[in-house]
PDB file of N, CA and C in Angstrom:
ATOM      1  N   MET A   1       0.856  -1.186   0.000  1.00  0.00           N
ATOM      2  CA  MET A   1       0.000   0.000   0.000  1.00  0.00           C
ATOM      3  C   MET A   1       0.891   1.234   0.000  1.00  0.00           C
ATOM      4  N   SER A   2       0.497   2.205  -0.800  1.00  0.00           N
ATOM      5  CA  SER A   2       1.247   3.451  -0.855  1.00  0.00           C
ATOM      6  C   SER A   2       0.369   4.602  -0.376  1.00  0.00           C
ATOM      7  N   VAL A   3       1.013   5.725  -0.125  1.00  0.00           N
ATOM      8  CA  VAL A   3       0.309   6.936   0.286  1.00  0.00           C
ATOM      9  C   VAL A   3       0.616   8.020  -0.740  1.00  0.00           C
ATOM     10  N   THR A   4      -0.444   8.629  -1.272  1.00  0.00           N
ATOM     11  CA  THR A   4      -0.299   9.709  -2.243  1.00  0.00           C
ATOM     12  C   THR A   4      -0.926  10.961  -1.660  1.00  0.00           C
ATOM     13  N   THR A   5      -0.181  12.068  -1.712  1.00  0.00           N
ATOM     14  CA  THR A   5      -0.702  13.351  -1.246  1.00  0.00           C
ATOM     15  C   THR A   5      -0.973  14.223  -2.460  1.00  0.00           C
ATOM     16  N   LEU A   6      -2.186  14.768  -2.506  1.00  0.00           N
ATOM     17  CA  LEU A   6      -2.588  15.658  -3.590  1.00  0.00           C
ATOM     18  C   LEU A   6      -2.833  17.051  -3.048  1.00  0.00           C
ATOM     19  N   HIS A   7      -2.329  18.064  -3.731  1.00  0.00           N
ATOM     20  CA  HIS A   7      -2.693  19.446  -3.430  1.00  0.00           C
ATOM     21  C   HIS A   7      -3.897  19.767  -4.300  1.00  0.00           C
ATOM     22  N   ILE A   8      -4.971  20.240  -3.680  1.00  0.00           N
ATOM     23  CA  ILE A   8      -6.225  20.484  -4.394  1.00  0.00           C
ATOM     24  C   ILE A   8      -6.599  21.953  -4.254  1.00  0.00           C
ATOM     25  N   THR A   9      -6.912  22.581  -5.367  1.00  0.00           N
ATOM     26  CA  THR A   9      -7.364  23.972  -5.320  1.00  0.00           C
ATOM     27  C   THR A   9      -8.810  24.052  -5.805  1.00  0.00           C
ATOM     28  N   GLY A  10      -9.519  25.025  -5.266  1.00  0.00           N
ATOM     29  CA  GLY A  10     -10.904  25.250  -5.671  1.00  0.00           C
ATOM     30  C   GLY A  10     -11.931  24.825  -4.635  1.00  0.00           C
ATOM     31  N   MET A  11     -11.506  24.112  -3.590  1.00  0.00           N
ATOM     32  CA  MET A  11     -12.461  23.701  -2.546  1.00  0.00           C
ATOM     33  C   MET A  11     -12.737  24.895  -1.630  1.00  0.00           C
ATOM     34  N   THR A  12     -14.029  25.123  -1.348  1.00  0.00           N
ATOM     35  CA  THR A  12     -14.390  26.263  -0.510  1.00  0.00           C
ATOM     36  C   THR A  12     -15.294  25.915   0.672  1.00  0.00           C
ATOM     37  N   CYS A  13     -15.798  24.669   0.709  1.00  0.00           N
ATOM     38  CA  CYS A  13     -16.767  24.339   1.756  1.00  0.00           C
ATOM     39  C   CYS A  13     -16.801  22.834   2.015  1.00  0.00           C
ATOM     40  N   GLY A  14     -17.610  22.435   2.959  1.00  0.00           N
ATOM     41  CA  GLY A  14     -17.760  21.031   3.301  1.00  0.00           C
ATOM     42  C   GLY A  14     -18.313  20.198   2.163  1.00  0.00           C
ATOM     43  N   HIS A  15     -19.182  20.790   1.339  1.00  0.00           N
ATOM     44  CA  HIS A  15     -19.710  20.063   0.179  1.00  0.00           C
ATOM     45  C   HIS A  15     -18.579  19.710  -0.782  1.00  0.00           C
ATOM     46  N   CYS A  16     -17.646  20.635  -0.966  1.00  0.00           N
ATOM     47  CA  CYS A  16     -16.491  20.381  -1.830  1.00  0.00           C
ATOM     48  C   CYS A  16     -15.685  19.199  -1.300  1.00  0.00           C
ATOM     49  N   VAL A  17     -15.439  19.202  -0.006  1.00  0.00           N
ATOM     50  CA  VAL A  17     -14.677  18.114   0.623  1.00  0.00           C
ATOM     51  C   VAL A  17     -15.388  16.777   0.405  1.00  0.00           C
ATOM     52  N   ALA A  18     -16.696  16.765   0.592  1.00  0.00           N
ATOM     53  CA  ALA A  18     -17.467  15.537   0.413  1.00  0.00           C
ATOM     54  C   ALA A  18     -17.405  15.052  -1.034  1.00  0.00           C
ATOM     55  N   ALA A  19     -17.497  15.973  -1.981  1.00  0.00           N
ATOM     56  CA  ALA A  19     -17.462  15.601  -3.399  1.00  0.00           C
ATOM     57  C   ALA A  19     -16.106  15.021  -3.779  1.00  0.00           C
ATOM     58  N   VAL A  20     -15.035  15.643  -3.308  1.00  0.00           N
ATOM     59  CA  VAL A  20     -13.685  15.156  -3.617  1.00  0.00           C
ATOM     60  C   VAL A  20     -13.449  13.808  -2.944  1.00  0.00           C
ATOM     61  N   THR A  21     -13.873  13.681  -1.697  1.00  0.00           N
ATOM     62  CA  THR A  21     -13.704  12.414  -0.979  1.00  0.00           C
ATOM     63  C   THR A  21     -14.426  11.288  -1.711  1.00  0.00           C
ATOM     64  N   LYS A  22     -15.654  11.521  -2.107  1.00  0.00           N
ATOM     65  CA  LYS A  22     -16.441  10.502  -2.801  1.00  0.00           C
ATOM     66  C   LYS A  22     -15.788  10.122  -4.134  1.00  0.00           C
ATOM     67  N   ALA A  23     -15.299  11.115  -4.862  1.00  0.00           N
ATOM     68  CA  ALA A  23     -14.655  10.851  -6.151  1.00  0.00           C
ATOM     69  C   ALA A  23     -13.395  10.011  -5.970  1.00  0.00           C
ATOM     70  N   LEU A  24     -12.608  10.338  -4.960  1.00  0.00           N
ATOM     71  CA  LEU A  24     -11.369   9.586  -4.718  1.00  0.00           C
ATOM     72  C   LEU A  24     -11.674   8.155  -4.283  1.00  0.00           C
ATOM     73  N   GLN A  25     -12.668   7.994  -3.429  1.00  0.00           N
ATOM     74  CA  GLN A  25     -13.001   6.659  -2.938  1.00  0.00           C
ATOM     75  C   GLN A  25     -13.567   5.767  -4.036  1.00  0.00           C
ATOM     76  N   ALA A  26     -14.056   6.371  -5.115  1.00  0.00           N
ATOM     77  CA  ALA A  26     -14.606   5.602  -6.228  1.00  0.00           C
ATOM     78  C   ALA A  26     -13.521   5.047  -7.158  1.00  0.00           C
ATOM     79  N   VAL A  27     -12.286   5.530  -6.997  1.00  0.00           N
ATOM     80  CA  VAL A  27     -11.183   5.059  -7.844  1.00  0.00           C
ATOM     81  C   VAL A  27     -10.747   3.678  -7.356  1.00  0.00           C
ATOM     82  N   GLY A  28     -10.615   2.761  -8.289  1.00  0.00           N
ATOM     83  CA  GLY A  28     -10.179   1.415  -7.935  1.00  0.00           C
ATOM     84  C   GLY A  28      -8.809   1.415  -7.279  1.00  0.00           C
ATOM     85  N   GLY A  29      -8.679   0.685  -6.182  1.00  0.00           N
ATOM     86  CA  GLY A  29      -7.410   0.592  -5.480  1.00  0.00           C
ATOM     87  C   GLY A  29      -7.278   1.528  -4.295  1.00  0.00           C
ATOM     88  N   VAL A  30      -8.231   2.446  -4.128  1.00  0.00           N
ATOM     89  CA  VAL A  30      -8.185   3.373  -2.993  1.00  0.00           C
ATOM     90  C   VAL A  30      -8.738   2.674  -1.761  1.00  0.00           C
ATOM     91  N   GLU A  31      -7.941   2.660  -0.697  1.00  0.00           N
ATOM     92  CA  GLU A  31      -8.392   2.081   0.571  1.00  0.00           C
ATOM     93  C   GLU A  31      -8.996   3.147   1.472  1.00  0.00           C
ATOM     94  N   SER A  32      -8.406   4.350   1.457  1.00  0.00           N
ATOM     95  CA  SER A  32      -8.975   5.452   2.235  1.00  0.00           C
ATOM     96  C   SER A  32      -8.531   6.778   1.632  1.00  0.00           C
ATOM     97  N   ALA A  33      -9.356   7.789   1.844  1.00  0.00           N
ATOM     98  CA  ALA A  33      -9.049   9.138   1.362  1.00  0.00           C
ATOM     99  C   ALA A  33      -9.462  10.127   2.440  1.00  0.00           C
ATOM    100  N   GLN A  34      -8.501  10.925   2.900  1.00  0.00           N
ATOM    101  CA  GLN A  34      -8.777  11.968   3.885  1.00  0.00           C
ATOM    102  C   GLN A  34      -8.538  13.314   3.208  1.00  0.00           C
ATOM    103  N   VAL A  35      -9.588  14.129   3.141  1.00  0.00           N
ATOM    104  CA  VAL A  35      -9.510  15.406   2.446  1.00  0.00           C
ATOM    105  C   VAL A  35      -9.608  16.526   3.474  1.00  0.00           C
ATOM    106  N   SER A  36      -8.684  17.498   3.385  1.00  0.00           N
ATOM    107  CA  SER A  36      -8.661  18.622   4.307  1.00  0.00           C
ATOM    108  C   SER A  36      -8.932  19.922   3.564  1.00  0.00           C
ATOM    109  N   LEU A  37     -10.005  20.610   3.962  1.00  0.00           N
ATOM    110  CA  LEU A  37     -10.321  21.913   3.388  1.00  0.00           C
ATOM    111  C   LEU A  37      -9.273  22.940   3.809  1.00  0.00           C
ATOM    112  N   GLU A  38      -8.877  22.910   5.067  1.00  0.00           N
ATOM    113  CA  GLU A  38      -7.937  23.885   5.603  1.00  0.00           C
ATOM    114  C   GLU A  38      -6.574  23.798   4.922  1.00  0.00           C
ATOM    115  N   ARG A  39      -6.099  22.585   4.687  1.00  0.00           N
ATOM    116  CA  ARG A  39      -4.779  22.401   4.070  1.00  0.00           C
ATOM    117  C   ARG A  39      -4.858  22.275   2.554  1.00  0.00           C
ATOM    118  N   GLN A  40      -6.095  22.216   2.020  1.00  0.00           N
ATOM    119  CA  GLN A  40      -6.291  22.085   0.572  1.00  0.00           C
ATOM    120  C   GLN A  40      -5.539  20.876   0.025  1.00  0.00           C
ATOM    121  N   GLU A  41      -5.705  19.739   0.716  1.00  0.00           N
ATOM    122  CA  GLU A  41      -5.011  18.538   0.278  1.00  0.00           C
ATOM    123  C   GLU A  41      -5.823  17.286   0.563  1.00  0.00           C
ATOM    124  N   ALA A  42      -5.402  16.221  -0.092  1.00  0.00           N
ATOM    125  CA  ALA A  42      -5.986  14.903   0.146  1.00  0.00           C
ATOM    126  C   ALA A  42      -4.846  13.927   0.361  1.00  0.00           C
ATOM    127  N   ILE A  43      -5.012  13.050   1.346  1.00  0.00           N
ATOM    128  CA  ILE A  43      -4.063  11.981   1.590  1.00  0.00           C
ATOM    129  C   ILE A  43      -4.793  10.685   1.270  1.00  0.00           C
ATOM    130  N   VAL A  44      -4.287   9.992   0.268  1.00  0.00           N
ATOM    131  CA  VAL A  44      -4.948   8.801  -0.245  1.00  0.00           C
ATOM    132  C   VAL A  44      -4.064   7.584  -0.012  1.00  0.00           C
ATOM    133  N   LYS A  45      -4.648   6.569   0.610  1.00  0.00           N
ATOM    134  CA  LYS A  45      -3.924   5.322   0.852  1.00  0.00           C
ATOM    135  C   LYS A  45      -4.489   4.243  -0.065  1.00  0.00           C
ATOM    136  N   GLY A  46      -3.595   3.435  -0.599  1.00  0.00           N
ATOM    137  CA  GLY A  46      -4.012   2.355  -1.483  1.00  0.00           C
ATOM    138  C   GLY A  46      -3.049   2.197  -2.639  1.00  0.00           C
ATOM    139  N   ASN A  47      -3.496   1.513  -3.667  1.00  0.00           N
ATOM    140  CA  ASN A  47      -2.641   1.230  -4.815  1.00  0.00           C
ATOM    141  C   ASN A  47      -3.127   1.875  -6.110  1.00  0.00           C
ATOM    142  N   ALA A  48      -3.962   2.881  -6.009  1.00  0.00           N
ATOM    143  CA  ALA A  48      -4.476   3.553  -7.208  1.00  0.00           C
ATOM    144  C   ALA A  48      -3.381   4.410  -7.842  1.00  0.00           C
ATOM    145  N   PRO A  49      -3.289   4.404  -9.163  1.00  0.00           N
ATOM    146  CA  PRO A  49      -2.317   5.262  -9.851  1.00  0.00           C
ATOM    147  C   PRO A  49      -2.620   6.746  -9.605  1.00  0.00           C
ATOM    148  N   ALA A  50      -1.585   7.528  -9.401  1.00  0.00           N
ATOM    149  CA  ALA A  50      -1.741   8.946  -9.092  1.00  0.00           C
ATOM    150  C   ALA A  50      -2.500   9.692 -10.191  1.00  0.00           C
ATOM    151  N   ASP A  51      -2.264   9.327 -11.456  1.00  0.00           N
ATOM    152  CA  ASP A  51      -2.947  10.040 -12.531  1.00  0.00           C
ATOM    153  C   ASP A  51      -4.452   9.813 -12.484  1.00  0.00           C
ATOM    154  N   GLN A  52      -4.885   8.639 -12.043  1.00  0.00           N
ATOM    155  CA  GLN A  52      -6.316   8.381 -11.902  1.00  0.00           C
ATOM    156  C   GLN A  52      -6.907   9.197 -10.764  1.00  0.00           C
ATOM    157  N   LEU A  53      -6.147   9.391  -9.698  1.00  0.00           N
ATOM    158  CA  LEU A  53      -6.616  10.210  -8.573  1.00  0.00           C
ATOM    159  C   LEU A  53      -6.791  11.658  -9.015  1.00  0.00           C
ATOM    160  N   VAL A  54      -5.808  12.168  -9.751  1.00  0.00           N
ATOM    161  CA  VAL A  54      -5.895  13.546 -10.248  1.00  0.00           C
ATOM    162  C   VAL A  54      -7.101  13.700 -11.168  1.00  0.00           C
ATOM    163  N   ARG A  55      -7.308  12.751 -12.079  1.00  0.00           N
ATOM    164  CA  ARG A  55      -8.459  12.818 -12.995  1.00  0.00           C
ATOM    165  C   ARG A  55      -9.784  12.785 -12.240  1.00  0.00           C
ATOM    166  N   ALA A  56      -9.850  11.990 -11.173  1.00  0.00           N
ATOM    167  CA  ALA A  56     -11.088  11.905 -10.388  1.00  0.00           C
ATOM    168  C   ALA A  56     -11.416  13.256  -9.750  1.00  0.00           C
ATOM    169  N   VAL A  57     -10.401  13.915  -9.204  1.00  0.00           N
ATOM    170  CA  VAL A  57     -10.606  15.229  -8.574  1.00  0.00           C
ATOM    171  C   VAL A  57     -10.993  16.253  -9.643  1.00  0.00           C
ATOM    172  N   GLU A  58     -10.271  16.244 -10.750  1.00  0.00           N
ATOM    173  CA  GLU A  58     -10.557  17.212 -11.813  1.00  0.00           C
ATOM    174  C   GLU A  58     -11.929  16.974 -12.436  1.00  0.00           C
ATOM    175  N   GLY A  59     -12.391  15.734 -12.397  1.00  0.00           N
ATOM    176  CA  GLY A  59     -13.727  15.425 -12.888  1.00  0.00           C
ATOM    177  C   GLY A  59     -14.830  16.073 -12.064  1.00  0.00           C
ATOM    178  N   GLU A  60     -14.500  16.417 -10.835  1.00  0.00           N
ATOM    179  CA  GLU A  60     -15.454  17.120  -9.962  1.00  0.00           C
ATOM    180  C   GLU A  60     -15.344  18.640 -10.089  1.00  0.00           C
ATOM    181  N   GLY A  61     -14.410  19.096 -10.916  1.00  0.00           N
ATOM    182  CA  GLY A  61     -14.288  20.539 -11.152  1.00  0.00           C
ATOM    183  C   GLY A  61     -13.208  21.239 -10.351  1.00  0.00           C
ATOM    184  N   TYR A  62     -12.316  20.498  -9.717  1.00  0.00           N
ATOM    185  CA  TYR A  62     -11.240  21.078  -8.919  1.00  0.00           C
ATOM    186  C   TYR A  62      -9.909  20.794  -9.592  1.00  0.00           C
ATOM    187  N   LYS A  63      -8.873  21.507  -9.226  1.00  0.00           N
ATOM    188  CA  LYS A  63      -7.527  21.263  -9.740  1.00  0.00           C
ATOM    189  C   LYS A  63      -6.765  20.438  -8.718  1.00  0.00           C
ATOM    190  N   ALA A  64      -5.933  19.516  -9.216  1.00  0.00           N
ATOM    191  CA  ALA A  64      -5.163  18.672  -8.322  1.00  0.00           C
ATOM    192  C   ALA A  64      -3.790  18.395  -8.912  1.00  0.00           C
ATOM    193  N   LYS A  65      -2.805  18.267  -8.039  1.00  0.00           N
ATOM    194  CA  LYS A  65      -1.478  17.830  -8.468  1.00  0.00           C
ATOM    195  C   LYS A  65      -0.863  17.016  -7.334  1.00  0.00           C
ATOM    196  N   VAL A  66      -0.022  16.083  -7.714  1.00  0.00           N
ATOM    197  CA  VAL A  66       0.651  15.235  -6.735  1.00  0.00           C
ATOM    198  C   VAL A  66       1.736  16.058  -6.057  1.00  0.00           C
ATOM    199  N   VAL A  67       1.798  15.938  -4.740  1.00  0.00           N
ATOM    200  CA  VAL A  67       2.816  16.665  -3.964  1.00  0.00           C
ATOM    201  C   VAL A  67       4.043  15.785  -3.833  1.00  0.00           C
TER     202      VAL A  67
END
């Protein structure tokens, strides 16, 4: 299992956090996803490829990059 940290921009509220969390958890290989509004980041545990995680976040309308 690996840990991937994503910097996410565009989140402004709890709904944003919920949407990003749900999108990340839907990616195959994700065991857990913790999204922080305050730090504008997500910590994802599992074996999902980083590019799929970024695409999932961007699919919800936010910007993401691997830290």
